[in-house]
C-alpha cells in the first residue's frame, strides 16, 4: 500500500466514513474509490483536493508520510554530549531524506497532472 492510499484509509477511518460515502461525495463509484485506497490506482490532483476537502485535511497530509519523529530524550549529563550530537545529526539527516522524498512525490504528482 502506498503512502497516499494508507493516509486516505487512516483519515477516512478516523472520520468514521465508509468507502461508499467517500465515493458518493467524490463523484465516483465505490470500486474506483476502493482501488485508490488500496493503492491500485493513483488519484488525480483534483481527486486529492476533493478527498482533502471531505476529510477536512490538507492535500499535503494525504501525500505525506506520517512519521513520528524519534527524537532522543536528552539527559542533563555532560558525559553524553557526543552521543547527543550524533543522534541529532542522524535525526537531521533522516529529516532531509524525508523532505527530498516528499519533493519527489510532489514532482511525480505534478507530472501526472500535466
PDB file of N, CA and C in Angstrom:
ATOM      1  N   UNK A   1       0.860  -1.177   0.000  1.00  0.00           N
ATOM      2  CA  UNK A   1       0.000   0.000   0.000  1.00  0.00           C
ATOM      3  C   UNK A   1       0.900   1.232   0.000  1.00  0.00           C
ATOM      4  N   UNK A   2       0.606   2.204  -0.853  1.00  0.00           N
ATOM      5  CA  UNK A   2       1.426   3.406  -0.906  1.00  0.00           C
ATOM      6  C   UNK A   2       0.999   4.429   0.149  1.00  0.00           C
ATOM      7  N   UNK A   3       1.772   5.478   0.244  1.00  0.00           N
ATOM      8  CA  UNK A   3       1.551   6.492   1.288  1.00  0.00           C
ATOM      9  C   UNK A   3       0.180   7.142   1.157  1.00  0.00           C
ATOM     10  N   UNK A   4      -0.171   7.531  -0.069  1.00  0.00           N
ATOM     11  CA  UNK A   4      -1.465   8.197  -0.269  1.00  0.00           C
ATOM     12  C   UNK A   4      -2.598   7.260   0.124  1.00  0.00           C
ATOM     13  N   UNK A   5      -2.509   6.018  -0.315  1.00  0.00           N
ATOM     14  CA  UNK A   5      -3.557   5.041  -0.013  1.00  0.00           C
ATOM     15  C   UNK A   5      -3.691   4.826   1.486  1.00  0.00           C
ATOM     16  N   UNK A   6      -2.568   4.648   2.174  1.00  0.00           N
ATOM     17  CA  UNK A   6      -2.656   4.400   3.617  1.00  0.00           C
ATOM     18  C   UNK A   6      -3.132   5.642   4.361  1.00  0.00           C
ATOM     19  N   UNK A   7      -2.753   6.836   3.900  1.00  0.00           N
ATOM     20  CA  UNK A   7      -3.244   8.061   4.537  1.00  0.00           C
ATOM     21  C   UNK A   7      -4.736   8.237   4.314  1.00  0.00           C
ATOM     22  N   UNK A   8      -5.206   7.943   3.098  1.00  0.00           N
ATOM     23  CA  UNK A   8      -6.645   8.028   2.823  1.00  0.00           C
ATOM     24  C   UNK A   8      -7.423   7.091   3.739  1.00  0.00           C
ATOM     25  N   UNK A   9      -6.963   5.864   3.830  1.00  0.00           N
ATOM     26  CA  UNK A   9      -7.629   4.882   4.681  1.00  0.00           C
ATOM     27  C   UNK A   9      -7.657   5.351   6.133  1.00  0.00           C
ATOM     28  N   UNK A  10      -6.513   5.790   6.631  1.00  0.00           N
ATOM     29  CA  UNK A  10      -6.427   6.220   8.031  1.00  0.00           C
ATOM     30  C   UNK A  10      -7.330   7.414   8.305  1.00  0.00           C
ATOM     31  N   UNK A  11      -7.299   8.404   7.430  1.00  0.00           N
ATOM     32  CA  UNK A  11      -8.117   9.615   7.631  1.00  0.00           C
ATOM     33  C   UNK A  11      -9.603   9.294   7.504  1.00  0.00           C
ATOM     34  N   UNK A  12      -9.952   8.426   6.557  1.00  0.00           N
ATOM     35  CA  UNK A  12     -11.364   8.055   6.391  1.00  0.00           C
ATOM     36  C   UNK A  12     -11.871   7.329   7.629  1.00  0.00           C
ATOM     37  N   UNK A  13     -11.072   6.383   8.114  1.00  0.00           N
ATOM     38  CA  UNK A  13     -11.479   5.641   9.310  1.00  0.00           C
ATOM     39  C   UNK A  13     -11.518   6.546  10.534  1.00  0.00           C
ATOM     40  N   UNK A  14     -10.592   7.490  10.599  1.00  0.00           N
ATOM     41  CA  UNK A  14     -10.579   8.453  11.707  1.00  0.00           C
ATOM     42  C   UNK A  14     -11.877   9.261  11.737  1.00  0.00           C
ATOM     43  N   UNK A  15     -12.389   9.597  10.550  1.00  0.00           N
ATOM     44  CA  UNK A  15     -13.648  10.355  10.434  1.00  0.00           C
ATOM     45  C   UNK A  15     -14.877   9.443  10.481  1.00  0.00           C
ATOM     46  N   UNK A  16     -14.632   8.121  10.530  1.00  0.00           N
ATOM     47  CA  UNK A  16     -15.696   7.126  10.575  1.00  0.00           C
ATOM     48  C   UNK A  16     -16.631   7.212   9.360  1.00  0.00           C
ATOM     49  N   UNK A  17     -16.005   7.357   8.187  1.00  0.00           N
ATOM     50  CA  UNK A  17     -16.751   7.398   6.936  1.00  0.00           C
ATOM     51  C   UNK A  17     -16.568   6.066   6.208  1.00  0.00           C
ATOM     52  N   UNK A  18     -17.568   5.688   5.446  1.00  0.00           N
ATOM     53  CA  UNK A  18     -17.470   4.459   4.663  1.00  0.00           C
ATOM     54  C   UNK A  18     -16.888   4.781   3.289  1.00  0.00           C
ATOM     55  N   UNK A  19     -16.407   3.742   2.614  1.00  0.00           N
ATOM     56  CA  UNK A  19     -15.938   3.919   1.240  1.00  0.00           C
ATOM     57  C   UNK A  19     -17.080   4.367   0.334  1.00  0.00           C
ATOM     58  N   UNK A  20     -18.252   3.831   0.579  1.00  0.00           N
ATOM     59  CA  UNK A  20     -19.426   4.190  -0.226  1.00  0.00           C
ATOM     60  C   UNK A  20     -19.702   5.684  -0.101  1.00  0.00           C
ATOM     61  N   UNK A  21     -19.657   6.199   1.126  1.00  0.00           N
ATOM     62  CA  UNK A  21     -19.927   7.615   1.356  1.00  0.00           C
ATOM     63  C   UNK A  21     -18.836   8.488   0.731  1.00  0.00           C
ATOM     64  N   UNK A  22     -17.575   8.086   0.897  1.00  0.00           N
ATOM     65  CA  UNK A  22     -16.459   8.840   0.294  1.00  0.00           C
ATOM     66  C   UNK A  22     -16.616   8.873  -1.221  1.00  0.00           C
ATOM     67  N   UNK A  23     -16.943   7.726  -1.801  1.00  0.00           N
ATOM     68  CA  UNK A  23     -17.112   7.652  -3.251  1.00  0.00           C
ATOM     69  C   UNK A  23     -18.252   8.556  -3.705  1.00  0.00           C
ATOM     70  N   UNK A  24     -19.361   8.514  -2.988  1.00  0.00           N
ATOM     71  CA  UNK A  24     -20.521   9.341  -3.322  1.00  0.00           C
ATOM     72  C   UNK A  24     -20.145  10.821  -3.296  1.00  0.00           C
ATOM     73  N   UNK A  25     -19.494  11.257  -2.211  1.00  0.00           N
ATOM     74  CA  UNK A  25     -19.110  12.669  -2.091  1.00  0.00           C
ATOM     75  C   UNK A  25     -18.061  13.073  -3.129  1.00  0.00           C
ATOM     76  N   UNK A  26     -17.296  12.100  -3.584  1.00  0.00           N
ATOM     77  CA  UNK A  26     -16.229  12.368  -4.553  1.00  0.00           C
ATOM     78  C   UNK A  26     -16.715  12.267  -5.997  1.00  0.00           C
ATOM     79  N   UNK A  27     -17.930  11.785  -6.179  1.00  0.00           N
ATOM     80  CA  UNK A  27     -18.474  11.658  -7.523  1.00  0.00           C
ATOM     81  C   UNK A  27     -17.907  10.484  -8.309  1.00  0.00           C
ATOM     82  N   UNK A  28     -17.617   9.404  -7.600  1.00  0.00           N
ATOM     83  CA  UNK A  28     -17.087   8.209  -8.267  1.00  0.00           C
ATOM     84  C   UNK A  28     -17.752   6.985  -7.686  1.00  0.00           C
ATOM     85  N   UNK A  29     -17.505   5.866  -8.311  1.00  0.00           N
ATOM     86  CA  UNK A  29     -18.074   4.619  -7.799  1.00  0.00           C
ATOM     87  C   UNK A  29     -17.247   4.121  -6.615  1.00  0.00           C
ATOM     88  N   UNK A  30     -17.871   3.295  -5.794  1.00  0.00           N
ATOM     89  CA  UNK A  30     -17.154   2.728  -4.643  1.00  0.00           C
ATOM     90  C   UNK A  30     -15.981   1.869  -5.087  1.00  0.00           C
ATOM     91  N   UNK A  31     -16.132   1.038  -6.133  1.00  0.00           N
ATOM     92  CA  UNK A  31     -14.972   0.254  -6.569  1.00  0.00           C
ATOM     93  C   UNK A  31     -13.791   1.119  -7.021  1.00  0.00           C
ATOM     94  N   UNK A  32     -14.079   2.237  -7.693  1.00  0.00           N
ATOM     95  CA  UNK A  32     -12.999   3.139  -8.104  1.00  0.00           C
ATOM     96  C   UNK A  32     -12.314   3.757  -6.885  1.00  0.00           C
ATOM     97  N   UNK A  33     -13.124   4.179  -5.914  1.00  0.00           N
ATOM     98  CA  UNK A  33     -12.533   4.739  -4.693  1.00  0.00           C
ATOM     99  C   UNK A  33     -11.712   3.667  -3.975  1.00  0.00           C
ATOM    100  N   UNK A  34     -12.245   2.466  -3.911  1.00  0.00           N
ATOM    101  CA  UNK A  34     -11.551   1.361  -3.248  1.00  0.00           C
ATOM    102  C   UNK A  34     -10.190   1.095  -3.898  1.00  0.00           C
ATOM    103  N   UNK A  35     -10.137   1.156  -5.229  1.00  0.00           N
ATOM    104  CA  UNK A  35      -8.861   0.960  -5.924  1.00  0.00           C
ATOM    105  C   UNK A  35      -7.834   2.023  -5.531  1.00  0.00           C
ATOM    106  N   UNK A  36      -8.287   3.244  -5.351  1.00  0.00           N
ATOM    107  CA  UNK A  36      -7.378   4.319  -4.917  1.00  0.00           C
ATOM    108  C   UNK A  36      -6.895   4.052  -3.496  1.00  0.00           C
ATOM    109  N   UNK A  37      -7.827   3.696  -2.623  1.00  0.00           N
ATOM    110  CA  UNK A  37      -7.483   3.481  -1.218  1.00  0.00           C
ATOM    111  C   UNK A  37      -6.592   2.252  -1.023  1.00  0.00           C
ATOM    112  N   UNK A  38      -6.680   1.286  -1.927  1.00  0.00           N
ATOM    113  CA  UNK A  38      -5.828   0.105  -1.840  1.00  0.00           C
ATOM    114  C   UNK A  38      -4.512   0.278  -2.600  1.00  0.00           C
ATOM    115  N   UNK A  39      -4.335   1.435  -3.239  1.00  0.00           N
ATOM    116  CA  UNK A  39      -3.092   1.709  -3.952  1.00  0.00           C
ATOM    117  C   UNK A  39      -3.022   1.115  -5.338  1.00  0.00           C
ATOM    118  N   UNK A  40      -4.135   0.623  -5.849  1.00  0.00           N
ATOM    119  CA  UNK A  40      -4.145   0.044  -7.198  1.00  0.00           C
ATOM    120  C   UNK A  40      -4.210   1.128  -8.269  1.00  0.00           C
ATOM    121  N   UNK A  41      -4.809   2.265  -7.920  1.00  0.00           N
ATOM    122  CA  UNK A  41      -4.947   3.400  -8.830  1.00  0.00           C
ATOM    123  C   UNK A  41      -4.462   4.650  -8.108  1.00  0.00           C
ATOM    124  N   UNK A  42      -3.740   5.501  -8.831  1.00  0.00           N
ATOM    125  CA  UNK A  42      -3.284   6.757  -8.234  1.00  0.00           C
ATOM    126  C   UNK A  42      -4.331   7.841  -8.494  1.00  0.00           C
ATOM    127  N   UNK A  43      -4.684   8.606  -7.474  1.00  0.00           N
ATOM    128  CA  UNK A  43      -5.684   9.660  -7.668  1.00  0.00           C
ATOM    129  C   UNK A  43      -5.099  10.847  -8.424  1.00  0.00           C
ATOM    130  N   UNK A  44      -5.971  11.569  -9.117  1.00  0.00           N
ATOM    131  CA  UNK A  44      -5.558  12.800  -9.789  1.00  0.00           C
ATOM    132  C   UNK A  44      -5.423  13.906  -8.741  1.00  0.00           C
ATOM    133  N   UNK A  45      -4.825  14.997  -9.143  1.00  0.00           N
ATOM    134  CA  UNK A  45      -4.700  16.151  -8.235  1.00  0.00           C
ATOM    135  C   UNK A  45      -6.086  16.625  -7.809  1.00  0.00           C
ATOM    136  N   UNK A  46      -7.019  16.685  -8.765  1.00  0.00           N
ATOM    137  CA  UNK A  46      -8.376  17.131  -8.424  1.00  0.00           C
ATOM    138  C   UNK A  46      -9.052  16.181  -7.441  1.00  0.00           C
ATOM    139  N   UNK A  47      -8.831  14.884  -7.623  1.00  0.00           N
ATOM    140  CA  UNK A  47      -9.397  13.916  -6.678  1.00  0.00           C
ATOM    141  C   UNK A  47      -8.773  14.104  -5.291  1.00  0.00           C
ATOM    142  N   UNK A  48      -7.468  14.313  -5.244  1.00  0.00           N
ATOM    143  CA  UNK A  48      -6.808  14.546  -3.953  1.00  0.00           C
ATOM    144  C   UNK A  48      -7.374  15.783  -3.266  1.00  0.00           C
ATOM    145  N   UNK A  49      -7.598  16.823  -4.031  1.00  0.00           N
ATOM    146  CA  UNK A  49      -8.175  18.052  -3.457  1.00  0.00           C
ATOM    147  C   UNK A  49      -9.562  17.769  -2.885  1.00  0.00           C
ATOM    148  N   UNK A  50     -10.360  17.008  -3.610  1.00  0.00           N
ATOM    149  CA  UNK A  50     -11.711  16.679  -3.152  1.00  0.00           C
ATOM    150  C   UNK A  50     -11.667  15.798  -1.901  1.00  0.00           C
ATOM    151  N   UNK A  51     -10.787  14.795  -1.901  1.00  0.00           N
ATOM    152  CA  UNK A  51     -10.651  13.937  -0.725  1.00  0.00           C
ATOM    153  C   UNK A  51     -10.239  14.764   0.490  1.00  0.00           C
ATOM    154  N   UNK A  52      -9.287  15.664   0.287  1.00  0.00           N
ATOM    155  CA  UNK A  52      -8.806  16.501   1.390  1.00  0.00           C
ATOM    156  C   UNK A  52      -9.946  17.364   1.937  1.00  0.00           C
ATOM    157  N   UNK A  53     -10.750  17.907   1.039  1.00  0.00           N
ATOM    158  CA  UNK A  53     -11.895  18.726   1.450  1.00  0.00           C
ATOM    159  C   UNK A  53     -12.877  17.904   2.280  1.00  0.00           C
ATOM    160  N   UNK A  54     -13.208  16.724   1.806  1.00  0.00           N
ATOM    161  CA  UNK A  54     -14.156  15.848   2.508  1.00  0.00           C
ATOM    162  C   UNK A  54     -13.611  15.455   3.878  1.00  0.00           C
ATOM    163  N   UNK A  55     -12.333  15.125   3.924  1.00  0.00           N
ATOM    164  CA  UNK A  55     -11.720  14.641   5.169  1.00  0.00           C
ATOM    165  C   UNK A  55     -11.238  15.766   6.083  1.00  0.00           C
ATOM    166  N   UNK A  56     -11.393  17.006   5.607  1.00  0.00           N
ATOM    167  CA  UNK A  56     -11.005  18.191   6.380  1.00  0.00           C
ATOM    168  C   UNK A  56      -9.521  18.159   6.752  1.00  0.00           C
ATOM    169  N   UNK A  57      -8.696  17.843   5.741  1.00  0.00           N
ATOM    170  CA  UNK A  57      -7.250  17.840   5.894  1.00  0.00           C
ATOM    171  C   UNK A  57      -6.666  18.566   4.682  1.00  0.00           C
ATOM    172  N   UNK A  58      -5.362  18.763   4.675  1.00  0.00           N
ATOM    173  CA  UNK A  58      -4.714  19.352   3.516  1.00  0.00           C
ATOM    174  C   UNK A  58      -4.278  18.234   2.564  1.00  0.00           C
ATOM    175  N   UNK A  59      -4.053  18.600   1.307  1.00  0.00           N
ATOM    176  CA  UNK A  59      -3.529  17.626   0.345  1.00  0.00           C
ATOM    177  C   UNK A  59      -2.184  17.115   0.840  1.00  0.00           C
ATOM    178  N   UNK A  60      -1.397  18.011   1.426  1.00  0.00           N
ATOM    179  CA  UNK A  60      -0.094  17.621   1.956  1.00  0.00           C
ATOM    180  C   UNK A  60      -0.226  16.495   2.982  1.00  0.00           C
ATOM    181  N   UNK A  61      -1.254  16.553   3.801  1.00  0.00           N
ATOM    182  CA  UNK A  61      -1.465  15.497   4.797  1.00  0.00           C
ATOM    183  C   UNK A  61      -1.796  14.156   4.139  1.00  0.00           C
ATOM    184  N   UNK A  62      -2.389  14.209   2.961  1.00  0.00           N
ATOM    185  CA  UNK A  62      -2.716  12.967   2.256  1.00  0.00           C
ATOM    186  C   UNK A  62      -1.515  12.379   1.530  1.00  0.00           C
ATOM    187  N   UNK A  63      -0.602  13.242   1.072  1.00  0.00           N
ATOM    188  CA  UNK A  63       0.526  12.731   0.294  1.00  0.00           C
ATOM    189  C   UNK A  63       1.798  12.572   1.119  1.00  0.00           C
ATOM    190  N   UNK A  64       1.780  13.039   2.365  1.00  0.00           N
ATOM    191  CA  UNK A  64       2.974  12.979   3.203  1.00  0.00           C
ATOM    192  C   UNK A  64       3.006  11.718   4.048  1.00  0.00           C
ATOM    193  N   UNK A  65       4.198  11.235   4.236  1.00  0.00           N
ATOM    194  CA  UNK A  65       4.365  10.070   5.096  1.00  0.00           C
ATOM    195  C   UNK A  65       4.168  10.513   6.536  1.00  0.00           C
ATOM    196  N   UNK A  66       3.274   9.847   7.211  1.00  0.00           N
ATOM    197  CA  UNK A  66       3.042  10.140   8.620  1.00  0.00           C
ATOM    198  C   UNK A  66       4.107   9.395   9.391  1.00  0.00           C
ATOM    199  N   UNK A  67       4.914  10.151  10.074  1.00  0.00           N
ATOM    200  CA  UNK A  67       6.057   9.529  10.729  1.00  0.00           C
ATOM    201  C   UNK A  67       6.293  10.234  12.052  1.00  0.00           C
ATOM    202  N   UNK A  68       6.245   9.471  13.092  1.00  0.00           N
ATOM    203  CA  UNK A  68       6.524  10.051  14.397  1.00  0.00           C
ATOM    204  C   UNK A  68       8.032  10.192  14.518  1.00  0.00           C
ATOM    205  N   UNK A  69       8.442  11.389  14.807  1.00  0.00           N
ATOM    206  CA  UNK A  69       9.866  11.636  14.953  1.00  0.00           C
ATOM    207  C   UNK A  69      10.363  10.995  16.234  1.00  0.00           C
ATOM    208  N   UNK A  70      11.457  10.312  16.102  1.00  0.00           N
ATOM    209  CA  UNK A  70      12.062   9.669  17.258  1.00  0.00           C
ATOM    210  C   UNK A  70      13.246  10.525  17.694  1.00  0.00           C
ATOM    211  N   UNK A  71      12.941  11.579  18.365  1.00  0.00           N
ATOM    212  CA  UNK A  71      13.974  12.474  18.876  1.00  0.00           C
ATOM    213  C   UNK A  71      14.365  11.953  20.254  1.00  0.00           C
ATOM    214  N   UNK A  72      15.629  11.706  20.433  1.00  0.00           N
ATOM    215  CA  UNK A  72      16.054  11.150  21.720  1.00  0.00           C
ATOM    216  C   UNK A  72      15.857  12.150  22.860  1.00  0.00           C
ATOM    217  N   UNK A  73      15.481  11.595  23.986  1.00  0.00           N
ATOM    218  CA  UNK A  73      15.387  12.432  25.177  1.00  0.00           C
ATOM    219  C   UNK A  73      16.799  12.681  25.671  1.00  0.00           C
ATOM    220  N   UNK A  74      17.079  13.927  25.895  1.00  0.00           N
ATOM    221  CA  UNK A  74      18.439  14.301  26.274  1.00  0.00           C
ATOM    222  C   UNK A  74      18.527  14.467  27.790  1.00  0.00           C
ATOM    223  N   UNK A  75      19.450  13.751  28.359  1.00  0.00           N
ATOM    224  CA  UNK A  75      19.689  13.871  29.795  1.00  0.00           C
ATOM    225  C   UNK A  75      20.649  15.003  30.034  1.00  0.00           C
ATOM    226  N   UNK A  76      20.630  15.520  31.218  1.00  0.00           N
ATOM    227  CA  UNK A  76      21.478  16.655  31.564  1.00  0.00           C
ATOM    228  C   UNK A  76      22.882  16.216  31.964  1.00  0.00           C
ATOM    229  N   UNK A  77      23.401  15.264  31.286  1.00  0.00           N
ATOM    230  CA  UNK A  77      24.720  14.740  31.586  1.00  0.00           C
ATOM    231  C   UNK A  77      25.706  15.222  30.535  1.00  0.00           C
ATOM    232  N   UNK A  78      26.733  15.893  30.951  1.00  0.00           N
ATOM    233  CA  UNK A  78      27.736  16.388  30.008  1.00  0.00           C
ATOM    234  C   UNK A  78      28.570  15.260  29.422  1.00  0.00           C
ATOM    235  N   UNK A  79      28.596  14.117  30.079  1.00  0.00           N
ATOM    236  CA  UNK A  79      29.353  12.971  29.593  1.00  0.00           C
ATOM    237  C   UNK A  79      28.728  12.390  28.337  1.00  0.00           C
ATOM    238  N   UNK A  80      27.450  12.667  28.080  1.00  0.00           N
ATOM    239  CA  UNK A  80      26.731  12.081  26.950  1.00  0.00           C
ATOM    240  C   UNK A  80      26.589  13.059  25.785  1.00  0.00           C
ATOM    241  N   UNK A  81      27.307  14.161  25.807  1.00  0.00           N
ATOM    242  CA  UNK A  81      27.165  15.195  24.787  1.00  0.00           C
ATOM    243  C   UNK A  81      27.477  14.687  23.388  1.00  0.00           C
ATOM    244  N   UNK A  82      28.517  13.900  23.246  1.00  0.00           N
ATOM    245  CA  UNK A  82      28.896  13.401  21.932  1.00  0.00           C
ATOM    246  C   UNK A  82      27.807  12.491  21.345  1.00  0.00           C
ATOM    247  N   UNK A  83      27.237  11.648  22.179  1.00  0.00           N
ATOM    248  CA  UNK A  83      26.154  10.778  21.724  1.00  0.00           C
ATOM    249  C   UNK A  83      24.924  11.578  21.315  1.00  0.00           C
ATOM    250  N   UNK A  84      24.656  12.644  22.045  1.00  0.00           N
ATOM    251  CA  UNK A  84      23.519  13.507  21.722  1.00  0.00           C
ATOM    252  C   UNK A  84      23.731  14.165  20.365  1.00  0.00           C
ATOM    253  N   UNK A  85      24.937  14.632  20.156  1.00  0.00           N
ATOM    254  CA  UNK A  85      25.250  15.301  18.896  1.00  0.00           C
ATOM    255  C   UNK A  85      25.069  14.334  17.724  1.00  0.00           C
ATOM    256  N   UNK A  86      25.545  13.130  17.861  1.00  0.00           N
ATOM    257  CA  UNK A  86      25.406  12.126  16.800  1.00  0.00           C
ATOM    258  C   UNK A  86      23.926  11.817  16.534  1.00  0.00           C
ATOM    259  N   UNK A  87      23.153  11.688  17.595  1.00  0.00           N
ATOM    260  CA  UNK A  87      21.724  11.399  17.445  1.00  0.00           C
ATOM    261  C   UNK A  87      21.013  12.551  16.745  1.00  0.00           C
ATOM    262  N   UNK A  88      21.367  13.783  17.074  1.00  0.00           N
ATOM    263  CA  UNK A  88      20.741  14.940  16.433  1.00  0.00           C
ATOM    264  C   UNK A  88      21.137  15.034  14.963  1.00  0.00           C
ATOM    265  N   UNK A  89      22.381  14.764  14.664  1.00  0.00           N
ATOM    266  CA  UNK A  89      22.834  14.777  13.269  1.00  0.00           C
ATOM    267  C   UNK A  89      22.076  13.723  12.473  1.00  0.00           C
ATOM    268  N   UNK A  90      21.918  12.550  13.042  1.00  0.00           N
ATOM    269  CA  UNK A  90      21.182  11.472  12.369  1.00  0.00           C
ATOM    270  C   UNK A  90      19.722  11.879  12.150  1.00  0.00           C
ATOM    271  N   UNK A  91      19.098  12.489  13.161  1.00  0.00           N
ATOM    272  CA  UNK A  91      17.705  12.931  13.035  1.00  0.00           C
ATOM    273  C   UNK A  91      17.567  13.976  11.928  1.00  0.00           C
ATOM    274  N   UNK A  92      18.543  14.883  11.827  1.00  0.00           N
ATOM    275  CA  UNK A  92      18.518  15.911  10.782  1.00  0.00           C
ATOM    276  C   UNK A  92      18.687  15.277   9.405  1.00  0.00           C
ATOM    277  N   UNK A  93      19.591  14.316   9.290  1.00  0.00           N
ATOM    278  CA  UNK A  93      19.800  13.631   8.023  1.00  0.00           C
ATOM    279  C   UNK A  93      18.547  12.867   7.595  1.00  0.00           C
ATOM    280  N   UNK A  94      17.871  12.219   8.539  1.00  0.00           N
ATOM    281  CA  UNK A  94      16.633  11.497   8.234  1.00  0.00           C
ATOM    282  C   UNK A  94      15.555  12.473   7.780  1.00  0.00           C
ATOM    283  N   UNK A  95      15.505  13.615   8.431  1.00  0.00           N
ATOM    284  CA  UNK A  95      14.514  14.636   8.078  1.00  0.00           C
ATOM    285  C   UNK A  95      14.778  15.160   6.662  1.00  0.00           C
ATOM    286  N   UNK A  96      16.056  15.402   6.329  1.00  0.00           N
ATOM    287  CA  UNK A  96      16.413  15.873   4.986  1.00  0.00           C
ATOM    288  C   UNK A  96      16.027  14.838   3.931  1.00  0.00           C
ATOM    289  N   UNK A  97      16.259  13.568   4.228  1.00  0.00           N
ATOM    290  CA  UNK A  97      15.880  12.491   3.315  1.00  0.00           C
ATOM    291  C   UNK A  97      14.358  12.466   3.128  1.00  0.00           C
ATOM    292  N   UNK A  98      13.627  12.631   4.194  1.00  0.00           N
ATOM    293  CA  UNK A  98      12.164  12.635   4.170  1.00  0.00           C
ATOM    294  C   UNK A  98      11.656  13.799   3.314  1.00  0.00           C
ATOM    295  N   UNK A  99      12.248  14.970   3.477  1.00  0.00           N
ATOM    296  CA  UNK A  99      11.853  16.145   2.691  1.00  0.00           C
ATOM    297  C   UNK A  99      12.105  15.898   1.213  1.00  0.00           C
ATOM    298  N   UNK A 100      13.253  15.327   0.880  1.00  0.00           N
ATOM    299  CA  UNK A 100      13.587  15.035  -0.512  1.00  0.00           C
ATOM    300  C   UNK A 100      12.584  14.046  -1.105  1.00  0.00           C
ATOM    301  N   UNK A 101      12.203  13.027  -0.326  1.00  0.00           N
ATOM    302  CA  UNK A 101      11.235  12.046  -0.776  1.00  0.00           C
ATOM    303  C   UNK A 101       9.888  12.723  -1.077  1.00  0.00           C
ATOM    304  N   UNK A 102       9.461  13.639  -0.210  1.00  0.00           N
ATOM    305  CA  UNK A 102       8.200  14.353  -0.427  1.00  0.00           C
ATOM    306  C   UNK A 102       8.272  15.235  -1.669  1.00  0.00           C
ATOM    307  N   UNK A 103       9.409  15.891  -1.878  1.00  0.00           N
ATOM    308  CA  UNK A 103       9.582  16.721  -3.065  1.00  0.00           C
ATOM    309  C   UNK A 103       9.476  15.879  -4.326  1.00  0.00           C
ATOM    310  N   UNK A 104      10.057  14.690  -4.312  1.00  0.00           N
ATOM    311  CA  UNK A 104       9.980  13.790  -5.470  1.00  0.00           C
ATOM    312  C   UNK A 104       8.548  13.328  -5.719  1.00  0.00           C
ATOM    313  N   UNK A 105       7.815  13.005  -4.644  1.00  0.00           N
ATOM    314  CA  UNK A 105       6.422  12.569  -4.787  1.00  0.00           C
ATOM    315  C   UNK A 105       5.574  13.702  -5.358  1.00  0.00           C
ATOM    316  N   UNK A 106       5.812  14.916  -4.884  1.00  0.00           N
ATOM    317  CA  UNK A 106       5.060  16.070  -5.370  1.00  0.00           C
ATOM    318  C   UNK A 106       5.363  16.310  -6.842  1.00  0.00           C
ATOM    319  N   UNK A 107       6.625  16.184  -7.239  1.00  0.00           N
ATOM    320  CA  UNK A 107       7.006  16.351  -8.637  1.00  0.00           C
ATOM    321  C   UNK A 107       6.312  15.296  -9.505  1.00  0.00           C
ATOM    322  N   UNK A 108       6.262  14.047  -9.022  1.00  0.00           N
ATOM    323  CA  UNK A 108       5.578  12.987  -9.756  1.00  0.00           C
ATOM    324  C   UNK A 108       4.094  13.298  -9.927  1.00  0.00           C
ATOM    325  N   UNK A 109       3.461  13.787  -8.868  1.00  0.00           N
ATOM    326  CA  UNK A 109       2.037  14.122  -8.945  1.00  0.00           C
ATOM    327  C   UNK A 109       1.795  15.277  -9.917  1.00  0.00           C
ATOM    328  N   UNK A 110       2.694  16.246  -9.915  1.00  0.00           N
ATOM    329  CA  UNK A 110       2.546  17.381 -10.835  1.00  0.00           C
ATOM    330  C   UNK A 110       2.713  16.932 -12.281  1.00  0.00           C
ATOM    331  N   UNK A 111       3.620  15.991 -12.529  1.00  0.00           N
ATOM    332  CA  UNK A 111       3.807  15.471 -13.882  1.00  0.00           C
ATOM    333  C   UNK A 111       2.536  14.774 -14.358  1.00  0.00           C
ATOM    334  N   UNK A 112       1.904  14.014 -13.463  1.00  0.00           N
ATOM    335  CA  UNK A 112       0.671  13.301 -13.823  1.00  0.00           C
ATOM    336  C   UNK A 112      -0.454  14.284 -14.124  1.00  0.00           C
ATOM    337  N   UNK A 113      -0.436  15.437 -13.428  1.00  0.00           N
ATOM    338  CA  UNK A 113      -1.477  16.442 -13.634  1.00  0.00           C
ATOM    339  C   UNK A 113      -1.377  17.045 -15.026  1.00  0.00           C
ATOM    340  N   UNK A 114      -0.163  17.195 -15.509  1.00  0.00           N
ATOM    341  CA  UNK A 114       0.039  17.791 -16.847  1.00  0.00           C
ATOM    342  C   UNK A 114      -0.353  16.785 -17.877  1.00  0.00           C
TER     343      UNK A 114
END
